Amino acid sequence: MFLINYETIYILKPDATEQVNLSILNYYKKFIKIKGGKNISVQHRGRRHLSYNVKHYYDGIYIQMNYQATGELIRLLEKSMRFNVNIIRYLTTKNSSLNSITFES
């Protein structure tokens, strides 16, 4: 099994409470771990102004996650984020570092 380095940034609604933010953050961290992801690092980037309004919001709370995972895990993660009403945008990118592929036995 190949594990590739990924980075997912998602934007939460600015009117969500801190408790909701932490529960979403912990949910996705556990989700990645349960589905076989490794080396999970989460950074709370804080509230920022959006360049343009997204779903009638001008601000958002940015969360950045770096981890190693398979393509199947990414598909499941993005499907879950698509249906989460508190997430207004998300983007997953593959990190192009030289050590990005790990063999899992």
C-alpha atoms as a PDB file:
ATOM      1  CA  MET A   1       0.000   0.000   0.000  1.00  0.00           C
ATOM      2  CA  PHE A   2       1.302   3.455  -0.907  1.00  0.00           C
ATOM      3  CA  LEU A   3       0.948   6.333   1.496  1.00  0.00           C
ATOM      4  CA  ILE A   4       1.375   9.756  -0.071  1.00  0.00           C
ATOM      5  CA  ASN A   5       1.780  13.099   1.712  1.00  0.00           C
ATOM      6  CA  TYR A   6      -1.358  15.224   1.457  1.00  0.00           C
ATOM      7  CA  GLU A   7      -2.448  18.601   2.744  1.00  0.00           C
ATOM      8  CA  THR A   8      -6.104  19.447   3.279  1.00  0.00           C
ATOM      9  CA  ILE A   9      -7.258  22.951   4.070  1.00  0.00           C
ATOM     10  CA  TYR A  10     -10.882  23.489   4.949  1.00  0.00           C
ATOM     11  CA  ILE A  11     -12.805  26.611   5.868  1.00  0.00           C
ATOM     12  CA  LEU A  12     -15.432  26.559   8.581  1.00  0.00           C
ATOM     13  CA  LYS A  13     -18.352  28.956   8.884  1.00  0.00           C
ATOM     14  CA  PRO A  14     -17.355  31.990  10.973  1.00  0.00           C
ATOM     15  CA  ASP A  15     -20.502  31.806  13.116  1.00  0.00           C
ATOM     16  CA  ALA A  16     -19.688  28.296  14.419  1.00  0.00           C
ATOM     17  CA  THR A  17     -18.795  28.172  18.113  1.00  0.00           C
ATOM     18  CA  GLU A  18     -15.352  27.188  19.373  1.00  0.00           C
ATOM     19  CA  GLN A  19     -16.786  23.910  20.670  1.00  0.00           C
ATOM     20  CA  VAL A  20     -18.164  23.057  17.212  1.00  0.00           C
ATOM     21  CA  ASN A  21     -14.797  23.941  15.639  1.00  0.00           C
ATOM     22  CA  LEU A  22     -12.902  21.644  18.004  1.00  0.00           C
ATOM     23  CA  SER A  23     -15.362  18.794  17.538  1.00  0.00           C
ATOM     24  CA  ILE A  24     -15.022  19.012  13.734  1.00  0.00           C
ATOM     25  CA  LEU A  25     -11.237  19.192  13.995  1.00  0.00           C
ATOM     26  CA  ASN A  26     -11.117  16.132  16.276  1.00  0.00           C
ATOM     27  CA  TYR A  27     -13.616  14.248  14.121  1.00  0.00           C
ATOM     28  CA  TYR A  28     -11.510  14.563  10.960  1.00  0.00           C
ATOM     29  CA  LYS A  29      -8.292  13.801  12.817  1.00  0.00           C
ATOM     30  CA  LYS A  30      -9.838  10.550  14.126  1.00  0.00           C
ATOM     31  CA  PHE A  31     -11.390   9.842  10.706  1.00  0.00           C
ATOM     32  CA  ILE A  32      -7.976   9.938   9.019  1.00  0.00           C
ATOM     33  CA  LYS A  33      -6.403   7.788  11.722  1.00  0.00           C
ATOM     34  CA  ILE A  34      -9.157   5.147  11.642  1.00  0.00           C
ATOM     35  CA  LYS A  35      -9.031   4.905   7.831  1.00  0.00           C
ATOM     36  CA  GLY A  36      -5.271   4.243   7.866  1.00  0.00           C
ATOM     37  CA  GLY A  37      -3.707   7.702   7.658  1.00  0.00           C
ATOM     38  CA  LYS A  38      -0.353   8.343   9.340  1.00  0.00           C
ATOM     39  CA  ASN A  39       1.668  11.315  10.634  1.00  0.00           C
ATOM     40  CA  ILE A  40      -1.343  13.581  11.127  1.00  0.00           C
ATOM     41  CA  SER A  41      -0.556  17.213  11.874  1.00  0.00           C
ATOM     42  CA  VAL A  42      -3.345  19.767  12.402  1.00  0.00           C
ATOM     43  CA  GLN A  43      -2.919  23.539  12.523  1.00  0.00           C
ATOM     44  CA  HIS A  44      -5.678  25.951  13.429  1.00  0.00           C
ATOM     45  CA  ARG A  45      -4.978  28.958  11.160  1.00  0.00           C
ATOM     46  CA  GLY A  46      -7.655  31.167  12.674  1.00  0.00           C
ATOM     47  CA  ARG A  47     -10.309  33.459  11.296  1.00  0.00           C
ATOM     48  CA  ARG A  48      -9.463  35.198   8.027  1.00  0.00           C
ATOM     49  CA  HIS A  49     -11.184  37.394   5.506  1.00  0.00           C
ATOM     50  CA  LEU A  50     -12.103  35.590   2.261  1.00  0.00           C
ATOM     51  CA  SER A  51     -11.139  37.102  -1.103  1.00  0.00           C
ATOM     52  CA  TYR A  52     -14.731  36.730  -2.256  1.00  0.00           C
ATOM     53  CA  ASN A  53     -17.916  35.666  -0.545  1.00  0.00           C
ATOM     54  CA  VAL A  54     -18.526  31.932  -0.315  1.00  0.00           C
ATOM     55  CA  LYS A  55     -22.093  30.857   0.447  1.00  0.00           C
ATOM     56  CA  HIS A  56     -22.772  34.429   1.669  1.00  0.00           C
ATOM     57  CA  TYR A  57     -19.809  34.417   4.101  1.00  0.00           C
ATOM     58  CA  TYR A  58     -16.997  36.991   3.951  1.00  0.00           C
ATOM     59  CA  ASP A  59     -14.878  35.445   6.738  1.00  0.00           C
ATOM     60  CA  GLY A  60     -13.952  31.870   7.549  1.00  0.00           C
ATOM     61  CA  ILE A  61     -12.004  29.788  10.054  1.00  0.00           C
ATOM     62  CA  TYR A  62      -9.099  28.016   8.354  1.00  0.00           C
ATOM     63  CA  ILE A  63      -7.880  24.565   9.420  1.00  0.00           C
ATOM     64  CA  GLN A  64      -4.837  22.913   7.811  1.00  0.00           C
ATOM     65  CA  MET A  65      -4.153  19.168   8.055  1.00  0.00           C
ATOM     66  CA  ASN A  66      -0.983  17.442   6.821  1.00  0.00           C
ATOM     67  CA  TYR A  67      -0.920  13.642   6.750  1.00  0.00           C
ATOM     68  CA  GLN A  68       0.003  10.520   4.795  1.00  0.00           C
ATOM     69  CA  ALA A  69      -2.843   8.592   3.211  1.00  0.00           C
ATOM     70  CA  THR A  70      -4.087   6.611   0.242  1.00  0.00           C
ATOM     71  CA  GLY A  71      -6.228   7.927  -2.593  1.00  0.00           C
ATOM     72  CA  GLU A  72      -9.222   5.997  -1.265  1.00  0.00           C
ATOM     73  CA  LEU A  73      -8.973   7.781   2.080  1.00  0.00           C
ATOM     74  CA  ILE A  74      -8.931  11.148   0.292  1.00  0.00           C
ATOM     75  CA  ARG A  75     -12.085  10.224  -1.602  1.00  0.00           C
ATOM     76  CA  LEU A  76     -13.876   9.290   1.635  1.00  0.00           C
ATOM     77  CA  LEU A  77     -12.605  12.385   3.467  1.00  0.00           C
ATOM     78  CA  GLU A  78     -13.769  14.796   0.770  1.00  0.00           C
ATOM     79  CA  LYS A  79     -17.139  13.070   0.529  1.00  0.00           C
ATOM     80  CA  SER A  80     -17.586  13.556   4.276  1.00  0.00           C
ATOM     81  CA  MET A  81     -16.579  17.222   4.033  1.00  0.00           C
ATOM     82  CA  ARG A  82     -18.961  17.815   1.134  1.00  0.00           C
ATOM     83  CA  PHE A  83     -21.934  16.908   3.341  1.00  0.00           C
ATOM     84  CA  ASN A  84     -20.774  18.750   6.481  1.00  0.00           C
ATOM     85  CA  VAL A  85     -22.914  21.897   6.812  1.00  0.00           C
ATOM     86  CA  ASN A  86     -20.242  23.736   8.840  1.00  0.00           C
ATOM     87  CA  ILE A  87     -17.584  23.487   6.106  1.00  0.00           C
ATOM     88  CA  ILE A  88     -17.925  26.078   3.351  1.00  0.00           C
ATOM     89  CA  ARG A  89     -14.818  25.104   1.301  1.00  0.00           C
ATOM     90  CA  TYR A  90     -12.108  22.437   1.286  1.00  0.00           C
ATOM     91  CA  LEU A  91      -9.094  21.627  -0.852  1.00  0.00           C
ATOM     92  CA  THR A  92      -6.765  18.631  -0.770  1.00  0.00           C
ATOM     93  CA  THR A  93      -3.394  18.755  -2.504  1.00  0.00           C
ATOM     94  CA  LYS A  94      -0.617  16.247  -2.882  1.00  0.00           C
ATOM     95  CA  ASN A  95       2.696  17.432  -1.438  1.00  0.00           C
ATOM     96  CA  SER A  96       5.472  17.099  -3.985  1.00  0.00           C
ATOM     97  CA  SER A  97       8.409  16.538  -1.658  1.00  0.00           C
ATOM     98  CA  LEU A  98      10.984  13.878  -2.523  1.00  0.00           C
ATOM     99  CA  ASN A  99      10.009  11.666   0.404  1.00  0.00           C
ATOM    100  CA  SER A 100       6.312  11.753  -0.339  1.00  0.00           C
ATOM    101  CA  ILE A 101       5.740   8.034  -0.934  1.00  0.00           C
ATOM    102  CA  THR A 102       5.897   5.608   1.968  1.00  0.00           C
ATOM    103  CA  PHE A 103       5.484   1.866   1.585  1.00  0.00           C
ATOM    104  CA  GLU A 104       3.172   0.354   4.163  1.00  0.00           C
ATOM    105  CA  SER A 105       3.414  -3.379   4.790  1.00  0.00           C
END
